[in-house]
Amino acid sequence: MYTKREFPLKMILRFTSLNILAFALLSSSVVAAYQYLHFKMIAIPFLPVSMIGAALAFYLGFKNNSSYDRLWEARKIWGGIVNDSRAWTAMLNAYLNPVNDESLSESALSEIRHELAKRHLAWIYAHKFQLRHKRMSWEHNLSHNNLYREKFQQAFGIGTDLKTDLQRYLQPAEADAVMACANPAAQILNNQSLALKKLRQTDVIEDFRLFEMQNHLNKLFEHQGKNERIKNFPFPRQYSMMVSLSVNIFCFLLPFGLISEMGSKGDLYVWLTVPFSVLISWVYFFMEMNSDYCENPFEGLINDVPIPA
């Protein structure tokens, strides 16, 4: 996630350069047809165009707020994972002490703590992989965005392979078994629960500690489910489609409406249709694009939730 004070203009242009070029070509073609081919009938009254723009501004505001809610909810959930990960480590240090078996050495306890801690790290990486790499049909699949995503992931080291990550923290047999599951992250949490059961059977922990630690695993299941809900359930497509369609219609009609206003001021003012049309169209398009990318906060782009951090 980009966290500097100012968002660089070159980064914005990287996403919108093709659209700016399209707006410039459209408005220039309209002005040339109006000025040199004398197609005066292409000029339309500006009032209906301005009414579309006003209605679209309200619609864009609604979509931006709703999209930001999805992004902010995802950020709060991931913040909960960070806090509960710290709490899990504290539990391992405080709760893993022998209840009845005094022969269990401190080195053996330390090995158990490390195993549970590393399995938790494996869960975080597996959950990150499922959020970052399982692409849905409604997510962004444009070729230039894919190239940009790959460069960003390489720069921040978030494009690693799941099997490689799991092998860093799990035993080979467990890593292979987890990879064979439909939901590796959920399986890792299930393995944690089985490990706690084994600790209770060997009296490393008693019922109360088992209850507390299992409840903590349940909270991690809840965090994962909330993130999967955002990942797997899209922003209502009727809203998203209507806003995108309305923006395209408005940007197309804008130069035809502006040229009637500019043409009334004189021939010199007619060409001002091009820069003003490009600027206004770019503002509306960028607002729509910004809300569109906030809809999916786990894609691995620069405005997403900072999962690798």
C-alpha atoms as a PDB file:
ATOM      1  CA  MET A   1       0.000   0.000   0.000  1.00  0.00           C
ATOM      2  CA  TYR A   2       1.282   3.457  -0.911  1.00  0.00           C
ATOM      3  CA  THR A   3       1.658   5.492   2.305  1.00  0.00           C
ATOM      4  CA  LYS A   4       3.672   8.585   1.352  1.00  0.00           C
ATOM      5  CA  ARG A   5       2.178  12.025   1.808  1.00  0.00           C
ATOM      6  CA  GLU A   6       1.716  12.803  -1.882  1.00  0.00           C
ATOM      7  CA  PHE A   7       0.638  10.438  -4.637  1.00  0.00           C
ATOM      8  CA  PRO A   8       2.990  11.047  -7.608  1.00  0.00           C
ATOM      9  CA  LEU A   9       1.367  12.318 -10.781  1.00  0.00           C
ATOM     10  CA  LYS A  10       3.391   9.914 -12.942  1.00  0.00           C
ATOM     11  CA  MET A  11       1.811   6.989 -11.111  1.00  0.00           C
ATOM     12  CA  ILE A  12      -1.666   8.347 -11.848  1.00  0.00           C
ATOM     13  CA  LEU A  13      -0.779   8.926 -15.493  1.00  0.00           C
ATOM     14  CA  ARG A  14       0.512   5.372 -15.679  1.00  0.00           C
ATOM     15  CA  PHE A  15      -3.037   4.141 -15.184  1.00  0.00           C
ATOM     16  CA  THR A  16      -4.890   6.839 -17.140  1.00  0.00           C
ATOM     17  CA  SER A  17      -2.556   7.761 -20.024  1.00  0.00           C
ATOM     18  CA  LEU A  18      -4.456   5.693 -22.587  1.00  0.00           C
ATOM     19  CA  ASN A  19      -7.761   7.191 -21.491  1.00  0.00           C
ATOM     20  CA  ILE A  20      -6.372  10.739 -21.657  1.00  0.00           C
ATOM     21  CA  LEU A  21      -5.221  10.016 -25.199  1.00  0.00           C
ATOM     22  CA  ALA A  22      -8.681   8.696 -26.088  1.00  0.00           C
ATOM     23  CA  PHE A  23     -10.363  11.801 -24.618  1.00  0.00           C
ATOM     24  CA  ALA A  24      -7.981  14.060 -26.570  1.00  0.00           C
ATOM     25  CA  LEU A  25      -8.593  12.232 -29.859  1.00  0.00           C
ATOM     26  CA  LEU A  26     -12.357  12.326 -29.400  1.00  0.00           C
ATOM     27  CA  SER A  27     -12.537  16.033 -28.555  1.00  0.00           C
ATOM     28  CA  SER A  28     -10.054  16.956 -31.299  1.00  0.00           C
ATOM     29  CA  SER A  29     -12.087  15.021 -33.861  1.00  0.00           C
ATOM     30  CA  VAL A  30     -15.274  16.765 -32.760  1.00  0.00           C
ATOM     31  CA  VAL A  31     -13.662  20.219 -32.975  1.00  0.00           C
ATOM     32  CA  ALA A  32     -12.098  19.467 -36.375  1.00  0.00           C
ATOM     33  CA  ALA A  33     -15.436  18.258 -37.764  1.00  0.00           C
ATOM     34  CA  TYR A  34     -17.174  21.339 -36.352  1.00  0.00           C
ATOM     35  CA  GLN A  35     -14.553  23.881 -37.436  1.00  0.00           C
ATOM     36  CA  TYR A  36     -13.208  22.610 -40.760  1.00  0.00           C
ATOM     37  CA  LEU A  37     -15.905  20.296 -42.113  1.00  0.00           C
ATOM     38  CA  HIS A  38     -18.647  22.693 -40.941  1.00  0.00           C
ATOM     39  CA  PHE A  39     -20.672  19.953 -39.264  1.00  0.00           C
ATOM     40  CA  LYS A  40     -22.470  22.463 -37.063  1.00  0.00           C
ATOM     41  CA  MET A  41     -25.256  20.022 -36.287  1.00  0.00           C
ATOM     42  CA  ILE A  42     -22.991  17.945 -34.042  1.00  0.00           C
ATOM     43  CA  ALA A  43     -23.114  20.663 -31.391  1.00  0.00           C
ATOM     44  CA  ILE A  44     -25.729  19.826 -28.755  1.00  0.00           C
ATOM     45  CA  PRO A  45     -27.083  22.003 -25.921  1.00  0.00           C
ATOM     46  CA  PHE A  46     -24.885  21.825 -22.854  1.00  0.00           C
ATOM     47  CA  LEU A  47     -27.798  21.683 -20.395  1.00  0.00           C
ATOM     48  CA  PRO A  48     -28.585  17.944 -20.758  1.00  0.00           C
ATOM     49  CA  VAL A  49     -24.869  17.100 -20.596  1.00  0.00           C
ATOM     50  CA  SER A  50     -24.481  19.125 -17.401  1.00  0.00           C
ATOM     51  CA  MET A  51     -27.509  17.390 -15.870  1.00  0.00           C
ATOM     52  CA  ILE A  52     -25.955  14.007 -16.628  1.00  0.00           C
ATOM     53  CA  GLY A  53     -22.713  15.194 -15.050  1.00  0.00           C
ATOM     54  CA  ALA A  54     -24.480  16.408 -11.893  1.00  0.00           C
ATOM     55  CA  ALA A  55     -26.379  13.122 -11.464  1.00  0.00           C
ATOM     56  CA  LEU A  56     -23.198  11.169 -12.153  1.00  0.00           C
ATOM     57  CA  ALA A  57     -21.312  13.109  -9.464  1.00  0.00           C
ATOM     58  CA  PHE A  58     -23.812  11.944  -6.821  1.00  0.00           C
ATOM     59  CA  TYR A  59     -23.617   8.385  -8.112  1.00  0.00           C
ATOM     60  CA  LEU A  60     -19.813   8.463  -8.059  1.00  0.00           C
ATOM     61  CA  GLY A  61     -19.874   9.757  -4.495  1.00  0.00           C
ATOM     62  CA  PHE A  62     -22.052   6.834  -3.445  1.00  0.00           C
ATOM     63  CA  LYS A  63     -19.792   4.318  -5.171  1.00  0.00           C
ATOM     64  CA  ASN A  64     -16.617   5.858  -3.725  1.00  0.00           C
ATOM     65  CA  ASN A  65     -18.018   5.702  -0.188  1.00  0.00           C
ATOM     66  CA  SER A  66     -19.193   2.123  -0.596  1.00  0.00           C
ATOM     67  CA  SER A  67     -15.901   1.011  -2.136  1.00  0.00           C
ATOM     68  CA  TYR A  68     -13.893   2.690   0.607  1.00  0.00           C
ATOM     69  CA  ASP A  69     -16.015   0.874   3.189  1.00  0.00           C
ATOM     70  CA  ARG A  70     -14.875  -2.439   1.675  1.00  0.00           C
ATOM     71  CA  LEU A  71     -11.237  -1.313   1.741  1.00  0.00           C
ATOM     72  CA  TRP A  72     -11.444  -0.025   5.306  1.00  0.00           C
ATOM     73  CA  GLU A  73     -13.198  -3.169   6.531  1.00  0.00           C
ATOM     74  CA  ALA A  74     -10.446  -5.290   4.976  1.00  0.00           C
ATOM     75  CA  ARG A  75      -7.827  -3.129   6.689  1.00  0.00           C
ATOM     76  CA  LYS A  76      -9.526  -3.545  10.076  1.00  0.00           C
ATOM     77  CA  ILE A  77      -9.722  -7.309   9.635  1.00  0.00           C
ATOM     78  CA  TRP A  78      -6.039  -7.552   8.777  1.00  0.00           C
ATOM     79  CA  GLY A  79      -5.240  -5.352  11.760  1.00  0.00           C
ATOM     80  CA  GLY A  80      -7.152  -7.848  13.888  1.00  0.00           C
ATOM     81  CA  ILE A  81      -4.991 -10.642  12.472  1.00  0.00           C
ATOM     82  CA  VAL A  82      -1.857  -8.704  13.451  1.00  0.00           C
ATOM     83  CA  ASN A  83      -3.090  -8.177  17.012  1.00  0.00           C
ATOM     84  CA  ASP A  84      -4.259 -11.760  17.453  1.00  0.00           C
ATOM     85  CA  SER A  85      -0.946 -13.041  16.084  1.00  0.00           C
ATOM     86  CA  ARG A  86       0.854 -11.173  18.847  1.00  0.00           C
ATOM     87  CA  ALA A  87      -1.609 -12.534  21.388  1.00  0.00           C
ATOM     88  CA  TRP A  88      -1.054 -16.080  20.071  1.00  0.00           C
ATOM     89  CA  THR A  89       2.696 -15.736  20.680  1.00  0.00           C
ATOM     90  CA  ALA A  90       2.048 -14.477  24.201  1.00  0.00           C
ATOM     91  CA  MET A  91      -0.204 -17.482  24.843  1.00  0.00           C
ATOM     92  CA  LEU A  92       2.491 -19.868  23.675  1.00  0.00           C
ATOM     93  CA  ASN A  93       4.955 -18.353  26.136  1.00  0.00           C
ATOM     94  CA  ALA A  94       2.530 -18.232  29.067  1.00  0.00           C
ATOM     95  CA  TYR A  95       0.381 -21.344  28.638  1.00  0.00           C
ATOM     96  CA  LEU A  96       2.779 -24.033  27.425  1.00  0.00           C
ATOM     97  CA  ASN A  97       4.008 -25.345  30.760  1.00  0.00           C
ATOM     98  CA  PRO A  98       3.641 -28.912  31.988  1.00  0.00           C
ATOM     99  CA  VAL A  99       0.650 -29.557  34.200  1.00  0.00           C
ATOM    100  CA  ASN A 100       1.421 -33.044  35.490  1.00  0.00           C
ATOM    101  CA  ASP A 101       4.412 -34.267  33.497  1.00  0.00           C
ATOM    102  CA  GLU A 102       7.351 -32.677  35.290  1.00  0.00           C
ATOM    103  CA  SER A 103       9.787 -34.644  33.161  1.00  0.00           C
ATOM    104  CA  LEU A 104       9.059 -32.460  30.115  1.00  0.00           C
ATOM    105  CA  SER A 105      12.174 -30.357  29.655  1.00  0.00           C
ATOM    106  CA  GLU A 106      12.311 -26.681  28.806  1.00  0.00           C
ATOM    107  CA  SER A 107      13.974 -27.507  25.492  1.00  0.00           C
ATOM    108  CA  ALA A 108      11.052 -29.777  24.579  1.00  0.00           C
ATOM    109  CA  LEU A 109       8.601 -27.027  25.504  1.00  0.00           C
ATOM    110  CA  SER A 110      10.572 -24.558  23.427  1.00  0.00           C
ATOM    111  CA  GLU A 111      10.385 -26.901  20.447  1.00  0.00           C
ATOM    112  CA  ILE A 112       6.604 -27.172  20.839  1.00  0.00           C
ATOM    113  CA  ARG A 113       6.274 -23.378  21.052  1.00  0.00           C
ATOM    114  CA  HIS A 114       8.367 -22.941  17.909  1.00  0.00           C
ATOM    115  CA  GLU A 115       6.322 -25.528  16.027  1.00  0.00           C
ATOM    116  CA  LEU A 116       3.037 -23.800  16.873  1.00  0.00           C
ATOM    117  CA  ALA A 117       4.465 -20.363  16.110  1.00  0.00           C
ATOM    118  CA  LYS A 118       5.856 -21.469  12.738  1.00  0.00           C
ATOM    119  CA  ARG A 119       2.564 -23.132  11.841  1.00  0.00           C
ATOM    120  CA  HIS A 120       0.847 -19.829  12.572  1.00  0.00           C
ATOM    121  CA  LEU A 121       3.261 -18.061  10.201  1.00  0.00           C
ATOM    122  CA  ALA A 122       2.449 -20.682   7.581  1.00  0.00           C
ATOM    123  CA  TRP A 123      -1.244 -19.883   8.054  1.00  0.00           C
ATOM    124  CA  ILE A 124      -0.586 -16.176   7.479  1.00  0.00           C
ATOM    125  CA  TYR A 125       1.300 -16.898   4.252  1.00  0.00           C
ATOM    126  CA  ALA A 126      -1.354 -19.342   3.050  1.00  0.00           C
ATOM    127  CA  HIS A 127      -4.122 -16.844   3.781  1.00  0.00           C
ATOM    128  CA  LYS A 128      -2.164 -14.093   2.023  1.00  0.00           C
ATOM    129  CA  PHE A 129      -1.669 -16.316  -1.009  1.00  0.00           C
ATOM    130  CA  GLN A 130      -5.392 -17.094  -1.244  1.00  0.00           C
ATOM    131  CA  LEU A 131      -6.276 -13.407  -1.041  1.00  0.00           C
ATOM    132  CA  ARG A 132      -3.609 -12.214  -3.460  1.00  0.00           C
ATOM    133  CA  HIS A 133      -3.566 -14.923  -6.108  1.00  0.00           C
ATOM    134  CA  LYS A 134      -7.031 -16.442  -6.447  1.00  0.00           C
ATOM    135  CA  ARG A 135      -8.448 -14.180  -9.149  1.00  0.00           C
ATOM    136  CA  MET A 136     -12.174 -13.808  -9.553  1.00  0.00           C
ATOM    137  CA  SER A 137     -13.966 -12.918 -12.792  1.00  0.00           C
ATOM    138  CA  TRP A 138     -14.958  -9.461 -11.562  1.00  0.00           C
ATOM    139  CA  GLU A 139     -11.422  -8.462 -10.580  1.00  0.00           C
ATOM    140  CA  HIS A 140      -9.166  -6.456 -12.845  1.00  0.00           C
ATOM    141  CA  ASN A 141      -7.720  -8.487 -15.679  1.00  0.00           C
ATOM    142  CA  LEU A 142      -6.586  -5.770 -18.097  1.00  0.00           C
ATOM    143  CA  SER A 143      -3.184  -6.568 -19.541  1.00  0.00           C
ATOM    144  CA  HIS A 144      -1.450  -3.335 -18.473  1.00  0.00           C
ATOM    145  CA  ASN A 145      -2.769  -3.774 -14.926  1.00  0.00           C
ATOM    146  CA  ASN A 146      -1.429  -7.313 -14.823  1.00  0.00           C
ATOM    147  CA  LEU A 147       1.999  -6.055 -15.874  1.00  0.00           C
ATOM    148  CA  TYR A 148       1.873  -3.323 -13.272  1.00  0.00           C
ATOM    149  CA  ARG A 149       0.799  -5.807 -10.578  1.00  0.00           C
ATOM    150  CA  GLU A 150       3.679  -8.146 -11.418  1.00  0.00           C
ATOM    151  CA  LYS A 151       6.249  -5.340 -11.178  1.00  0.00           C
ATOM    152  CA  PHE A 152       4.828  -4.188  -7.864  1.00  0.00           C
ATOM    153  CA  GLN A 153       4.798  -7.706  -6.439  1.00  0.00           C
ATOM    154  CA  GLN A 154       8.393  -8.300  -7.510  1.00  0.00           C
ATOM    155  CA  ALA A 155       9.522  -5.018  -5.960  1.00  0.00           C
ATOM    156  CA  PHE A 156       7.919  -5.811  -2.601  1.00  0.00           C
ATOM    157  CA  GLY A 157       8.495  -9.568  -2.620  1.00  0.00           C
ATOM    158  CA  ILE A 158       4.828 -10.555  -2.473  1.00  0.00           C
ATOM    159  CA  GLY A 159       4.673 -12.763  -5.533  1.00  0.00           C
ATOM    160  CA  THR A 160       6.259 -15.857  -3.986  1.00  0.00           C
ATOM    161  CA  ASP A 161       5.029 -19.393  -4.466  1.00  0.00           C
ATOM    162  CA  LEU A 162       2.772 -20.875  -1.772  1.00  0.00           C
ATOM    163  CA  LYS A 163       4.636 -24.187  -1.583  1.00  0.00           C
ATOM    164  CA  THR A 164       7.929 -22.369  -1.073  1.00  0.00           C
ATOM    165  CA  ASP A 165       6.444 -20.334   1.763  1.00  0.00           C
ATOM    166  CA  LEU A 166       4.889 -23.357   3.469  1.00  0.00           C
ATOM    167  CA  GLN A 167       8.100 -25.372   3.317  1.00  0.00           C
ATOM    168  CA  ARG A 168       9.849 -22.640   5.290  1.00  0.00           C
ATOM    169  CA  TYR A 169       7.568 -23.192   8.294  1.00  0.00           C
ATOM    170  CA  LEU A 170       6.025 -26.679   8.049  1.00  0.00           C
ATOM    171  CA  GLN A 171       7.387 -30.179   7.929  1.00  0.00           C
ATOM    172  CA  PRO A 172       7.526 -31.534   4.346  1.00  0.00           C
ATOM    173  CA  ALA A 173       4.754 -34.081   4.912  1.00  0.00           C
ATOM    174  CA  GLU A 174       2.436 -31.509   6.452  1.00  0.00           C
ATOM    175  CA  ALA A 175       3.236 -28.955   3.744  1.00  0.00           C
ATOM    176  CA  ASP A 176       2.376 -31.464   0.999  1.00  0.00           C
ATOM    177  CA  ALA A 177      -0.862 -32.438   2.752  1.00  0.00           C
ATOM    178  CA  VAL A 178      -1.871 -28.792   3.146  1.00  0.00           C
ATOM    179  CA  MET A 179      -1.118 -28.064  -0.510  1.00  0.00           C
ATOM    180  CA  ALA A 180      -3.489 -30.860  -1.534  1.00  0.00           C
ATOM    181  CA  CYS A 181      -6.417 -29.208   0.290  1.00  0.00           C
ATOM    182  CA  ALA A 182      -8.926 -26.868  -1.316  1.00  0.00           C
ATOM    183  CA  ASN A 183      -8.415 -24.289   1.449  1.00  0.00           C
ATOM    184  CA  PRO A 184      -4.810 -24.571   2.718  1.00  0.00           C
ATOM    185  CA  ALA A 185      -5.180 -21.783   5.283  1.00  0.00           C
ATOM    186  CA  ALA A 186      -8.205 -23.392   6.930  1.00  0.00           C
ATOM    187  CA  GLN A 187      -6.418 -26.751   6.983  1.00  0.00           C
ATOM    188  CA  ILE A 188      -3.442 -25.212   8.777  1.00  0.00           C
ATOM    189  CA  LEU A 189      -5.722 -23.854  11.492  1.00  0.00           C
ATOM    190  CA  ASN A 190      -7.299 -27.289  11.756  1.00  0.00           C
ATOM    191  CA  ASN A 191      -3.816 -28.760  12.225  1.00  0.00           C
ATOM    192  CA  GLN A 192      -3.208 -26.233  14.990  1.00  0.00           C
ATOM    193  CA  SER A 193      -6.377 -27.410  16.712  1.00  0.00           C
ATOM    194  CA  LEU A 194      -5.247 -31.044  16.451  1.00  0.00           C
ATOM    195  CA  ALA A 195      -1.874 -30.068  17.912  1.00  0.00           C
ATOM    196  CA  LEU A 196      -3.610 -28.466  20.895  1.00  0.00           C
ATOM    197  CA  LYS A 197      -5.638 -31.642  21.372  1.00  0.00           C
ATOM    198  CA  LYS A 198      -2.432 -33.642  21.481  1.00  0.00           C
ATOM    199  CA  LEU A 199      -0.964 -31.268  24.075  1.00  0.00           C
ATOM    200  CA  ARG A 200      -4.020 -31.763  26.251  1.00  0.00           C
ATOM    201  CA  GLN A 201      -3.764 -35.531  25.959  1.00  0.00           C
ATOM    202  CA  THR A 202      -0.144 -35.386  27.165  1.00  0.00           C
ATOM    203  CA  ASP A 203      -1.049 -32.962  29.986  1.00  0.00           C
ATOM    204  CA  VAL A 204       1.122 -30.137  28.658  1.00  0.00           C
ATOM    205  CA  ILE A 205      -1.974 -27.957  29.008  1.00  0.00           C
ATOM    206  CA  GLU A 206      -5.150 -28.412  31.014  1.00  0.00           C
ATOM    207  CA  ASP A 207      -8.772 -27.881  29.959  1.00  0.00           C
ATOM    208  CA  PHE A 208      -8.839 -24.160  30.689  1.00  0.00           C
ATOM    209  CA  ARG A 209      -5.761 -23.430  28.575  1.00  0.00           C
ATOM    210  CA  LEU A 210      -7.064 -25.656  25.804  1.00  0.00           C
ATOM    211  CA  PHE A 211     -10.356 -23.754  25.883  1.00  0.00           C
ATOM    212  CA  GLU A 212      -8.616 -20.368  25.736  1.00  0.00           C
ATOM    213  CA  MET A 213      -6.239 -21.300  22.930  1.00  0.00           C
ATOM    214  CA  GLN A 214      -8.977 -22.962  20.883  1.00  0.00           C
ATOM    215  CA  ASN A 215     -11.100 -19.837  21.234  1.00  0.00           C
ATOM    216  CA  HIS A 216      -8.160 -17.876  19.883  1.00  0.00           C
ATOM    217  CA  LEU A 217      -7.988 -20.170  16.860  1.00  0.00           C
ATOM    218  CA  ASN A 218     -11.714 -19.598  16.384  1.00  0.00           C
ATOM    219  CA  LYS A 219     -11.015 -15.855  16.158  1.00  0.00           C
ATOM    220  CA  LEU A 220      -8.475 -16.541  13.410  1.00  0.00           C
ATOM    221  CA  PHE A 221     -11.070 -18.624  11.567  1.00  0.00           C
ATOM    222  CA  GLU A 222     -13.428 -15.655  11.876  1.00  0.00           C
ATOM    223  CA  HIS A 223     -10.850 -13.225  10.472  1.00  0.00           C
ATOM    224  CA  GLN A 224     -10.184 -15.544   7.551  1.00  0.00           C
ATOM    225  CA  GLY A 225     -13.895 -15.919   6.825  1.00  0.00           C
ATOM    226  CA  LYS A 226     -14.420 -12.153   6.829  1.00  0.00           C
ATOM    227  CA  ASN A 227     -11.587 -11.643   4.360  1.00  0.00           C
ATOM    228  CA  GLU A 228     -12.900 -14.441   2.149  1.00  0.00           C
ATOM    229  CA  ARG A 229     -16.327 -12.793   2.184  1.00  0.00           C
ATOM    230  CA  ILE A 230     -14.831  -9.580   0.761  1.00  0.00           C
ATOM    231  CA  LYS A 231     -12.686 -11.539  -1.689  1.00  0.00           C
ATOM    232  CA  ASN A 232     -15.427 -13.836  -2.952  1.00  0.00           C
ATOM    233  CA  PHE A 233     -18.444 -11.506  -2.934  1.00  0.00           C
ATOM    234  CA  PRO A 234     -18.164  -8.591  -5.383  1.00  0.00           C
ATOM    235  CA  PHE A 235     -19.381  -5.053  -5.118  1.00  0.00           C
ATOM    236  CA  PRO A 236     -22.916  -5.282  -6.617  1.00  0.00           C
ATOM    237  CA  ARG A 237     -22.321  -5.466 -10.336  1.00  0.00           C
ATOM    238  CA  GLN A 238     -25.423  -3.441 -11.226  1.00  0.00           C
ATOM    239  CA  TYR A 239     -23.969  -0.418  -9.396  1.00  0.00           C
ATOM    240  CA  SER A 240     -20.488  -0.873 -10.760  1.00  0.00           C
ATOM    241  CA  MET A 241     -21.681  -1.441 -14.338  1.00  0.00           C
ATOM    242  CA  MET A 242     -24.096   1.502 -14.312  1.00  0.00           C
ATOM    243  CA  VAL A 243     -21.475   3.918 -13.002  1.00  0.00           C
ATOM    244  CA  SER A 244     -18.904   2.792 -15.581  1.00  0.00           C
ATOM    245  CA  LEU A 245     -21.457   3.025 -18.381  1.00  0.00           C
ATOM    246  CA  SER A 246     -22.640   6.459 -17.234  1.00  0.00           C
ATOM    247  CA  VAL A 247     -19.063   7.772 -17.088  1.00  0.00           C
ATOM    248  CA  ASN A 248     -18.391   6.552 -20.631  1.00  0.00           C
ATOM    249  CA  ILE A 249     -21.613   8.149 -21.919  1.00  0.00           C
ATOM    250  CA  PHE A 250     -20.850  11.436 -20.174  1.00  0.00           C
ATOM    251  CA  CYS A 251     -17.250  11.552 -21.442  1.00  0.00           C
ATOM    252  CA  PHE A 252     -18.457  10.833 -24.979  1.00  0.00           C
ATOM    253  CA  LEU A 253     -21.148  13.548 -24.952  1.00  0.00           C
ATOM    254  CA  LEU A 254     -19.033  16.170 -23.179  1.00  0.00           C
ATOM    255  CA  PRO A 255     -17.134  17.583 -26.218  1.00  0.00           C
ATOM    256  CA  PHE A 256     -20.378  17.813 -28.220  1.00  0.00           C
ATOM    257  CA  GLY A 257     -21.911  19.881 -25.425  1.00  0.00           C
ATOM    258  CA  LEU A 258     -18.845  22.019 -24.734  1.00  0.00           C
ATOM    259  CA  ILE A 259     -18.331  22.928 -28.363  1.00  0.00           C
ATOM    260  CA  SER A 260     -21.714  24.654 -28.486  1.00  0.00           C
ATOM    261  CA  GLU A 261     -20.723  26.800 -25.518  1.00  0.00           C
ATOM    262  CA  MET A 262     -17.211  27.531 -26.781  1.00  0.00           C
ATOM    263  CA  GLY A 263     -18.389  28.133 -30.336  1.00  0.00           C
ATOM    264  CA  SER A 264     -20.703  30.886 -29.153  1.00  0.00           C
ATOM    265  CA  LYS A 265     -17.639  32.833 -27.927  1.00  0.00           C
ATOM    266  CA  GLY A 266     -15.842  32.797 -31.250  1.00  0.00           C
ATOM    267  CA  ASP A 267     -13.669  30.613 -33.462  1.00  0.00           C
ATOM    268  CA  LEU A 268     -10.638  30.965 -31.213  1.00  0.00           C
ATOM    269  CA  TYR A 269     -12.519  29.596 -28.196  1.00  0.00           C
ATOM    270  CA  VAL A 270     -13.672  26.509 -30.082  1.00  0.00           C
ATOM    271  CA  TRP A 271     -10.308  24.807 -29.573  1.00  0.00           C
ATOM    272  CA  LEU A 272     -10.584  25.289 -25.822  1.00  0.00           C
ATOM    273  CA  THR A 273     -13.087  22.466 -26.062  1.00  0.00           C
ATOM    274  CA  VAL A 274     -10.177  20.022 -26.274  1.00  0.00           C
ATOM    275  CA  PRO A 275      -8.299  20.807 -23.026  1.00  0.00           C
ATOM    276  CA  PHE A 276     -11.456  21.403 -20.972  1.00  0.00           C
ATOM    277  CA  SER A 277     -13.091  18.257 -22.316  1.00  0.00           C
ATOM    278  CA  VAL A 278      -9.992  16.186 -21.540  1.00  0.00           C
ATOM    279  CA  LEU A 279      -9.672  17.660 -18.039  1.00  0.00           C
ATOM    280  CA  ILE A 280     -13.315  17.192 -17.055  1.00  0.00           C
ATOM    281  CA  SER A 281     -13.485  13.697 -18.555  1.00  0.00           C
ATOM    282  CA  TRP A 282     -10.263  12.736 -16.768  1.00  0.00           C
ATOM    283  CA  VAL A 283     -11.611  13.914 -13.390  1.00  0.00           C
ATOM    284  CA  TYR A 284     -14.781  11.838 -13.715  1.00  0.00           C
ATOM    285  CA  PHE A 285     -12.922   8.840 -15.058  1.00  0.00           C
ATOM    286  CA  PHE A 286     -10.279   8.956 -12.324  1.00  0.00           C
ATOM    287  CA  MET A 287     -12.954   9.151  -9.617  1.00  0.00           C
ATOM    288  CA  GLU A 288     -14.654   6.097 -11.094  1.00  0.00           C
ATOM    289  CA  MET A 289     -11.370   4.220 -11.488  1.00  0.00           C
ATOM    290  CA  ASN A 290     -10.346   4.995  -7.908  1.00  0.00           C
ATOM    291  CA  SER A 291     -13.598   3.574  -6.544  1.00  0.00           C
ATOM    292  CA  ASP A 292     -13.308   0.600  -8.890  1.00  0.00           C
ATOM    293  CA  TYR A 293      -9.918  -0.404  -7.477  1.00  0.00           C
ATOM    294  CA  CYS A 294     -11.067   0.059  -3.875  1.00  0.00           C
ATOM    295  CA  GLU A 295     -13.755  -2.561  -4.480  1.00  0.00           C
ATOM    296  CA  ASN A 296     -11.125  -5.331  -4.437  1.00  0.00           C
ATOM    297  CA  PRO A 297      -8.630  -4.614  -1.634  1.00  0.00           C
ATOM    298  CA  PHE A 298      -6.605  -7.842  -1.943  1.00  0.00           C
ATOM    299  CA  GLU A 299      -5.380  -7.828  -5.554  1.00  0.00           C
ATOM    300  CA  GLY A 300      -1.789  -6.886  -4.795  1.00  0.00           C
ATOM    301  CA  LEU A 301      -1.895  -3.383  -6.276  1.00  0.00           C
ATOM    302  CA  ILE A 302      -0.459  -0.265  -4.751  1.00  0.00           C
ATOM    303  CA  ASN A 303      -3.649   0.925  -3.030  1.00  0.00           C
ATOM    304  CA  ASP A 304      -4.524  -2.400  -1.418  1.00  0.00           C
ATOM    305  CA  VAL A 305      -4.359  -3.588   2.180  1.00  0.00           C
ATOM    306  CA  PRO A 306      -0.644  -3.961   3.147  1.00  0.00           C
ATOM    307  CA  ILE A 307      -0.787  -7.703   3.781  1.00  0.00           C
ATOM    308  CA  PRO A 308       2.975  -8.459   3.335  1.00  0.00           C
ATOM    309  CA  ALA A 309       3.833  -5.805   5.953  1.00  0.00           C
END
